């Protein structure tokens, strides 16, 4: 069983997934630059700090491949798993 998530982890994971979904919806209808790029970058930076990653590239295998319907818990678990692997 996974460890409990903090309120901040829940909030940021949910917010990140919502922004990614907005970006996917935008790109399904447009081919131009998404107005959500900066928002995604801001929330991603907060995730990096909260989970203790050093750079965006540290999380790219998780945060660049968000499947449709991913839950905040699933994102949290993937980030925690990645952090554990990188610490080993």
Protein backbone atom coordinates (compact mmCIF):
# COMPACT_ATOMS: atom_id res chain seq x y z
CA UNK A 1 0.00 0.00 0.00
CA UNK A 2 1.22 3.49 -0.83
CA UNK A 3 2.08 6.08 1.76
CA UNK A 4 -0.52 8.79 2.41
CA UNK A 5 -0.33 11.89 0.25
CA UNK A 6 -0.08 15.34 1.79
CA UNK A 7 -2.66 17.98 0.90
CA UNK A 8 0.04 19.81 -1.08
CA UNK A 9 0.92 16.67 -3.05
CA UNK A 10 -2.74 16.06 -3.84
CA UNK A 11 -3.23 19.68 -4.92
CA UNK A 12 -0.15 19.85 -7.14
CA UNK A 13 -0.64 16.44 -8.74
CA UNK A 14 -4.27 17.29 -9.50
CA UNK A 15 -3.33 20.71 -10.85
CA UNK A 16 -0.58 19.27 -13.05
CA UNK A 17 -2.91 16.65 -14.51
CA UNK A 18 -5.58 19.30 -15.19
CA UNK A 19 -3.08 21.50 -17.06
CA UNK A 20 -1.81 18.55 -19.11
CA UNK A 21 -5.42 17.72 -20.01
CA UNK A 22 -6.05 21.33 -21.07
CA UNK A 23 -2.94 21.20 -23.26
CA UNK A 24 -4.01 17.92 -24.88
CA UNK A 25 -7.46 19.37 -25.62
CA UNK A 26 -5.88 22.50 -27.10
CA UNK A 27 -3.54 20.52 -29.35
CA UNK A 28 -6.38 18.30 -30.56
CA UNK A 29 -7.98 21.41 -32.07
CA UNK A 30 -4.98 23.64 -32.84
CA UNK A 31 -1.46 23.24 -34.13
CA UNK A 32 -0.05 26.45 -32.68
CA UNK A 33 1.72 27.10 -29.39
CA UNK A 34 -0.49 26.27 -26.43
CA UNK A 35 -1.43 29.10 -24.06
CA UNK A 36 -1.06 26.55 -21.25
CA UNK A 37 2.69 26.01 -21.72
CA UNK A 38 3.73 28.55 -19.09
CA UNK A 39 1.13 27.31 -16.61
CA UNK A 40 2.39 23.75 -17.07
CA UNK A 41 5.98 24.92 -16.53
CA UNK A 42 5.01 26.74 -13.32
CA UNK A 43 3.16 23.76 -11.84
CA UNK A 44 5.93 21.39 -12.95
CA UNK A 45 8.50 23.54 -11.16
CA UNK A 46 6.41 23.31 -7.98
CA UNK A 47 6.25 19.51 -8.36
CA UNK A 48 10.04 19.35 -8.72
CA UNK A 49 10.52 21.31 -5.52
CA UNK A 50 7.88 19.40 -3.56
CA UNK A 51 9.21 15.98 -4.52
CA UNK A 52 12.87 16.99 -4.24
CA UNK A 53 13.99 16.61 -7.85
CA UNK A 54 16.90 18.73 -9.08
CA UNK A 55 15.82 19.45 -12.64
CA UNK A 56 12.99 19.00 -15.12
CA UNK A 57 14.92 16.26 -16.90
CA UNK A 58 14.85 14.23 -13.67
CA UNK A 59 11.09 13.75 -14.04
CA UNK A 60 10.66 13.76 -17.82
CA UNK A 61 10.03 10.01 -18.05
CA UNK A 62 6.95 10.50 -15.86
CA UNK A 63 5.74 14.03 -16.56
CA UNK A 64 6.20 13.92 -20.34
CA UNK A 65 4.15 10.73 -20.71
CA UNK A 66 0.89 11.38 -18.89
CA UNK A 67 -1.78 8.92 -20.08
CA UNK A 68 -5.39 10.01 -20.32
CA UNK A 69 -7.26 9.38 -17.09
CA UNK A 70 -4.20 9.31 -14.82
CA UNK A 71 -5.16 10.07 -11.22
CA UNK A 72 -3.25 12.28 -8.78
CA UNK A 73 -2.44 9.13 -6.76
CA UNK A 74 -0.97 7.41 -9.83
CA UNK A 75 1.16 10.46 -10.64
CA UNK A 76 2.33 10.64 -7.02
CA UNK A 77 3.24 6.94 -6.97
CA UNK A 78 5.19 7.24 -10.24
CA UNK A 79 7.09 10.28 -8.95
CA UNK A 80 7.88 8.51 -5.66
CA UNK A 81 9.03 5.40 -7.54
CA UNK A 82 11.25 7.54 -9.78
CA UNK A 83 12.71 9.35 -6.75
CA UNK A 84 13.48 6.00 -5.09
CA UNK A 85 15.21 4.69 -8.23
CA UNK A 86 17.28 7.85 -8.60
CA UNK A 87 18.33 7.71 -4.94
CA UNK A 88 19.57 4.13 -5.24
